[in-house]
């Protein structure tokens, strides 16, 4: 199998994976997700919060920004850790070979 044919097949596969969900029929009714059901169950039980947050973001955009920054920081730390471990392993291999 040539590289061109393989790449073309992978491109068609990727395009079909992207377009398939868009072509699926919509389920009947509105999708509310699980959050509204969980909120209703909590409200029914009469739960009282133990504490209130010290600070709440002024808007949902800022909350999304903080979440994205937290995700980026976590991804950076994971990438650093895995790169460090790989470098240490390669250093040990190089030391063992010499």
N, C-alpha and C. Protein backbone atom coordinates (compact mmCIF):
# COMPACT_ATOMS: atom_id res chain seq x y z
N UNK A 1 0.86 -1.18 0.00
CA UNK A 1 0.00 0.00 0.00
C UNK A 1 0.90 1.23 0.00
N UNK A 2 0.65 2.10 -0.93
CA UNK A 2 1.48 3.29 -1.02
C UNK A 2 1.09 4.29 0.07
N UNK A 3 2.02 5.17 0.36
CA UNK A 3 1.79 6.18 1.40
C UNK A 3 0.66 7.12 1.00
N UNK A 4 0.55 7.42 -0.29
CA UNK A 4 -0.51 8.32 -0.75
C UNK A 4 -1.88 7.70 -0.53
N UNK A 5 -2.02 6.42 -0.85
CA UNK A 5 -3.30 5.74 -0.67
C UNK A 5 -3.65 5.63 0.81
N UNK A 6 -2.66 5.33 1.64
CA UNK A 6 -2.90 5.25 3.08
C UNK A 6 -3.32 6.60 3.65
N UNK A 7 -2.63 7.66 3.26
CA UNK A 7 -2.97 9.00 3.74
C UNK A 7 -4.36 9.43 3.26
N UNK A 8 -4.70 9.08 2.04
CA UNK A 8 -6.03 9.40 1.51
C UNK A 8 -7.11 8.65 2.30
N UNK A 9 -6.86 7.39 2.61
CA UNK A 9 -7.80 6.62 3.41
C UNK A 9 -7.97 7.20 4.80
N UNK A 10 -6.87 7.62 5.42
CA UNK A 10 -6.96 8.24 6.74
C UNK A 10 -7.70 9.57 6.69
N UNK A 11 -7.51 10.31 5.63
CA UNK A 11 -8.22 11.58 5.47
C UNK A 11 -9.72 11.35 5.33
N UNK A 12 -10.10 10.35 4.54
CA UNK A 12 -11.52 10.02 4.38
C UNK A 12 -12.10 9.55 5.71
N UNK A 13 -11.35 8.75 6.45
CA UNK A 13 -11.81 8.27 7.75
C UNK A 13 -12.00 9.44 8.72
N UNK A 14 -11.06 10.36 8.76
CA UNK A 14 -11.17 11.52 9.66
C UNK A 14 -12.36 12.39 9.26
N UNK A 15 -12.56 12.59 7.97
CA UNK A 15 -13.69 13.40 7.52
C UNK A 15 -15.02 12.73 7.86
N UNK A 16 -15.07 11.41 7.74
CA UNK A 16 -16.33 10.72 8.08
C UNK A 16 -16.59 10.76 9.58
N UNK A 17 -15.55 10.68 10.39
CA UNK A 17 -15.72 10.78 11.85
C UNK A 17 -16.25 12.16 12.23
N UNK A 18 -15.80 13.18 11.54
CA UNK A 18 -16.24 14.55 11.84
C UNK A 18 -17.67 14.78 11.36
N UNK A 19 -18.02 14.28 10.17
CA UNK A 19 -19.34 14.57 9.61
C UNK A 19 -20.44 13.64 10.11
N UNK A 20 -20.11 12.45 10.56
CA UNK A 20 -21.14 11.51 11.00
C UNK A 20 -22.02 12.06 12.11
N UNK A 21 -21.48 12.65 13.18
CA UNK A 21 -22.36 13.19 14.22
C UNK A 21 -23.26 14.32 13.72
N UNK A 22 -22.80 15.06 12.73
CA UNK A 22 -23.61 16.16 12.21
C UNK A 22 -24.80 15.66 11.40
N UNK A 23 -24.69 14.46 10.84
CA UNK A 23 -25.76 13.90 10.02
C UNK A 23 -26.75 13.06 10.81
N UNK A 24 -26.44 12.77 12.06
CA UNK A 24 -27.34 11.97 12.88
C UNK A 24 -28.61 12.76 13.18
N UNK A 25 -29.76 12.08 13.26
CA UNK A 25 -30.99 12.81 13.60
C UNK A 25 -30.97 13.28 15.04
N UNK A 26 -31.62 14.41 15.28
CA UNK A 26 -31.67 14.96 16.63
C UNK A 26 -32.66 14.16 17.47
N UNK A 27 -32.34 13.93 18.73
CA UNK A 27 -33.30 13.23 19.60
C UNK A 27 -34.48 14.15 19.91
N UNK A 28 -35.64 13.57 20.17
CA UNK A 28 -36.80 14.42 20.46
C UNK A 28 -36.66 15.12 21.80
N UNK A 29 -37.18 16.33 21.89
CA UNK A 29 -37.15 17.08 23.14
C UNK A 29 -35.85 17.81 23.34
N UNK A 30 -35.85 18.64 24.37
CA UNK A 30 -34.65 19.40 24.71
C UNK A 30 -33.72 18.54 25.55
N UNK A 31 -32.45 18.72 25.34
CA UNK A 31 -31.45 18.02 26.14
C UNK A 31 -31.06 18.93 27.30
N UNK A 32 -31.40 18.53 28.50
CA UNK A 32 -31.09 19.36 29.66
C UNK A 32 -29.84 18.88 30.37
N UNK A 33 -29.40 17.69 30.10
CA UNK A 33 -28.20 17.18 30.77
C UNK A 33 -28.51 16.71 32.17
N UNK A 34 -27.49 16.30 32.87
CA UNK A 34 -27.66 15.75 34.21
C UNK A 34 -27.61 16.83 35.29
N UNK A 35 -27.10 18.00 34.98
CA UNK A 35 -26.96 19.04 36.00
C UNK A 35 -28.30 19.47 36.58
N UNK A 36 -29.30 19.61 35.72
CA UNK A 36 -30.60 20.06 36.22
C UNK A 36 -31.24 19.00 37.11
N UNK A 37 -31.06 17.73 36.78
CA UNK A 37 -31.62 16.65 37.61
C UNK A 37 -30.90 16.59 38.95
N UNK A 38 -29.60 16.76 38.94
CA UNK A 38 -28.85 16.75 40.20
C UNK A 38 -29.25 17.94 41.07
N UNK A 39 -29.40 19.09 40.47
CA UNK A 39 -29.82 20.28 41.22
C UNK A 39 -31.19 20.08 41.84
N UNK A 40 -32.10 19.46 41.08
CA UNK A 40 -33.45 19.21 41.61
C UNK A 40 -33.40 18.23 42.78
N UNK A 41 -32.56 17.19 42.68
CA UNK A 41 -32.45 16.22 43.77
C UNK A 41 -31.86 16.87 45.02
N UNK A 42 -30.91 17.75 44.84
CA UNK A 42 -30.31 18.45 45.98
C UNK A 42 -31.33 19.38 46.62
N UNK A 43 -32.09 20.09 45.80
CA UNK A 43 -33.10 21.00 46.34
C UNK A 43 -34.19 20.24 47.10
N UNK A 44 -34.58 19.06 46.60
CA UNK A 44 -35.62 18.27 47.27
C UNK A 44 -35.18 17.77 48.64
N UNK A 45 -33.90 17.47 48.79
CA UNK A 45 -33.42 16.90 50.05
C UNK A 45 -33.30 17.95 51.16
N UNK A 46 -33.37 19.22 50.82
CA UNK A 46 -33.25 20.28 51.82
C UNK A 46 -31.82 20.50 52.28
N UNK A 47 -30.87 20.20 51.42
CA UNK A 47 -29.44 20.36 51.76
C UNK A 47 -29.11 21.83 51.98
N UNK A 48 -28.34 22.10 53.01
CA UNK A 48 -27.85 23.45 53.30
C UNK A 48 -26.33 23.45 53.13
N UNK A 49 -25.80 24.38 52.34
CA UNK A 49 -24.34 24.43 52.14
C UNK A 49 -23.61 24.67 53.46
N UNK A 50 -22.44 24.09 53.58
CA UNK A 50 -21.62 24.24 54.79
C UNK A 50 -20.93 25.59 54.84
N UNK A 51 -20.56 26.10 53.68
CA UNK A 51 -19.85 27.38 53.62
C UNK A 51 -20.19 28.06 52.30
N UNK A 52 -19.82 29.32 52.20
CA UNK A 52 -20.00 30.06 50.96
C UNK A 52 -18.63 30.34 50.37
N UNK A 53 -18.54 30.42 49.05
CA UNK A 53 -17.24 30.68 48.43
C UNK A 53 -16.67 32.03 48.86
N UNK A 54 -15.35 32.09 48.98
CA UNK A 54 -14.68 33.35 49.33
C UNK A 54 -14.82 34.35 48.19
N UNK A 55 -14.66 33.86 46.96
CA UNK A 55 -14.74 34.73 45.79
C UNK A 55 -15.44 33.96 44.68
N UNK A 56 -16.31 34.61 43.97
CA UNK A 56 -16.98 34.01 42.82
C UNK A 56 -16.63 34.84 41.59
N UNK A 57 -16.33 34.19 40.46
CA UNK A 57 -16.03 34.95 39.25
C UNK A 57 -17.22 35.83 38.86
N UNK A 58 -16.94 37.06 38.40
CA UNK A 58 -18.03 37.98 38.08
C UNK A 58 -18.87 37.55 36.88
N UNK A 59 -18.33 36.72 35.99
CA UNK A 59 -19.11 36.28 34.83
C UNK A 59 -18.70 34.86 34.44
N UNK A 60 -19.51 34.25 33.61
CA UNK A 60 -19.20 32.89 33.18
C UNK A 60 -17.98 32.87 32.25
N UNK A 61 -17.72 33.98 31.56
CA UNK A 61 -16.54 34.03 30.69
C UNK A 61 -15.26 33.96 31.52
N UNK A 62 -15.24 34.64 32.64
CA UNK A 62 -14.06 34.61 33.51
C UNK A 62 -13.91 33.23 34.13
N UNK A 63 -15.02 32.60 34.48
CA UNK A 63 -14.96 31.24 35.01
C UNK A 63 -14.39 30.29 33.96
N UNK A 64 -14.80 30.46 32.70
CA UNK A 64 -14.26 29.63 31.62
C UNK A 64 -12.77 29.90 31.41
N UNK A 65 -12.37 31.17 31.50
CA UNK A 65 -10.97 31.53 31.37
C UNK A 65 -10.13 30.87 32.47
N UNK A 66 -10.61 30.93 33.70
CA UNK A 66 -9.88 30.31 34.80
C UNK A 66 -9.78 28.80 34.62
N UNK A 67 -10.85 28.18 34.14
CA UNK A 67 -10.82 26.74 33.88
C UNK A 67 -9.80 26.41 32.79
N UNK A 68 -9.77 27.22 31.72
CA UNK A 68 -8.82 26.98 30.64
C UNK A 68 -7.39 27.17 31.13
N UNK A 69 -7.15 28.18 31.96
CA UNK A 69 -5.81 28.39 32.51
C UNK A 69 -5.40 27.23 33.40
N UNK A 70 -6.33 26.72 34.19
CA UNK A 70 -6.04 25.57 35.05
C UNK A 70 -5.71 24.34 34.19
N UNK A 71 -6.46 24.12 33.12
CA UNK A 71 -6.19 22.99 32.24
C UNK A 71 -4.84 23.14 31.56
N UNK A 72 -4.50 24.35 31.11
CA UNK A 72 -3.22 24.58 30.46
C UNK A 72 -2.06 24.37 31.42
N UNK A 73 -2.21 24.84 32.64
CA UNK A 73 -1.17 24.64 33.65
C UNK A 73 -0.98 23.15 33.94
N UNK A 74 -2.06 22.43 34.08
CA UNK A 74 -1.97 20.99 34.32
C UNK A 74 -1.33 20.26 33.16
N UNK A 75 -1.70 20.62 31.93
CA UNK A 75 -1.09 20.00 30.76
C UNK A 75 0.39 20.32 30.67
N UNK A 76 0.76 21.55 31.00
CA UNK A 76 2.18 21.92 31.00
C UNK A 76 2.98 21.14 32.02
N UNK A 77 2.43 20.99 33.22
CA UNK A 77 3.12 20.22 34.25
C UNK A 77 3.26 18.75 33.86
N UNK A 78 2.20 18.18 33.29
CA UNK A 78 2.28 16.78 32.84
C UNK A 78 3.32 16.63 31.73
N UNK A 79 3.31 17.56 30.77
CA UNK A 79 4.29 17.50 29.69
C UNK A 79 5.71 17.64 30.20
N UNK A 80 5.92 18.53 31.16
CA UNK A 80 7.24 18.68 31.76
C UNK A 80 7.68 17.40 32.46
N UNK A 81 6.78 16.80 33.22
CA UNK A 81 7.11 15.58 33.96
C UNK A 81 7.48 14.45 33.00
N UNK A 82 6.65 14.24 31.97
CA UNK A 82 6.95 13.15 31.03
C UNK A 82 8.22 13.43 30.24
N UNK A 83 8.48 14.68 29.88
CA UNK A 83 9.72 15.02 29.21
C UNK A 83 10.93 14.80 30.10
N UNK A 84 10.80 15.17 31.37
CA UNK A 84 11.88 14.95 32.33
C UNK A 84 12.18 13.47 32.48
N UNK A 85 11.13 12.66 32.64
CA UNK A 85 11.33 11.22 32.80
C UNK A 85 11.96 10.61 31.55
N UNK A 86 11.55 11.06 30.37
CA UNK A 86 12.13 10.53 29.14
C UNK A 86 13.60 10.93 29.03
N UNK A 87 13.91 12.16 29.37
CA UNK A 87 15.30 12.60 29.34
C UNK A 87 16.16 11.83 30.32
N UNK A 88 15.63 11.55 31.50
CA UNK A 88 16.38 10.76 32.48
C UNK A 88 16.62 9.35 31.96
N UNK A 89 15.61 8.75 31.33
CA UNK A 89 15.76 7.40 30.80
C UNK A 89 16.79 7.37 29.67
N UNK A 90 16.75 8.36 28.80
CA UNK A 90 17.74 8.42 27.72
C UNK A 90 19.14 8.64 28.27
N UNK A 91 19.25 9.45 29.32
CA UNK A 91 20.56 9.66 29.94
C UNK A 91 21.11 8.39 30.55
N UNK A 92 20.25 7.60 31.20
CA UNK A 92 20.69 6.32 31.76
C UNK A 92 21.12 5.36 30.67
N UNK A 93 20.40 5.34 29.54
CA UNK A 93 20.78 4.47 28.42
C UNK A 93 22.13 4.89 27.85
N UNK A 94 22.32 6.21 27.73
CA UNK A 94 23.58 6.71 27.18
C UNK A 94 24.74 6.39 28.12
N UNK A 95 24.51 6.52 29.44
CA UNK A 95 25.55 6.20 30.41
C UNK A 95 25.87 4.71 30.40
N UNK A 96 24.85 3.88 30.23
CA UNK A 96 25.07 2.43 30.22
C UNK A 96 25.81 2.00 28.96
N UNK A 97 25.59 2.71 27.85
CA UNK A 97 26.23 2.36 26.59
C UNK A 97 27.70 2.77 26.58
N UNK A 98 28.07 3.77 27.36
CA UNK A 98 29.46 4.24 27.31
C UNK A 98 30.33 3.61 28.37
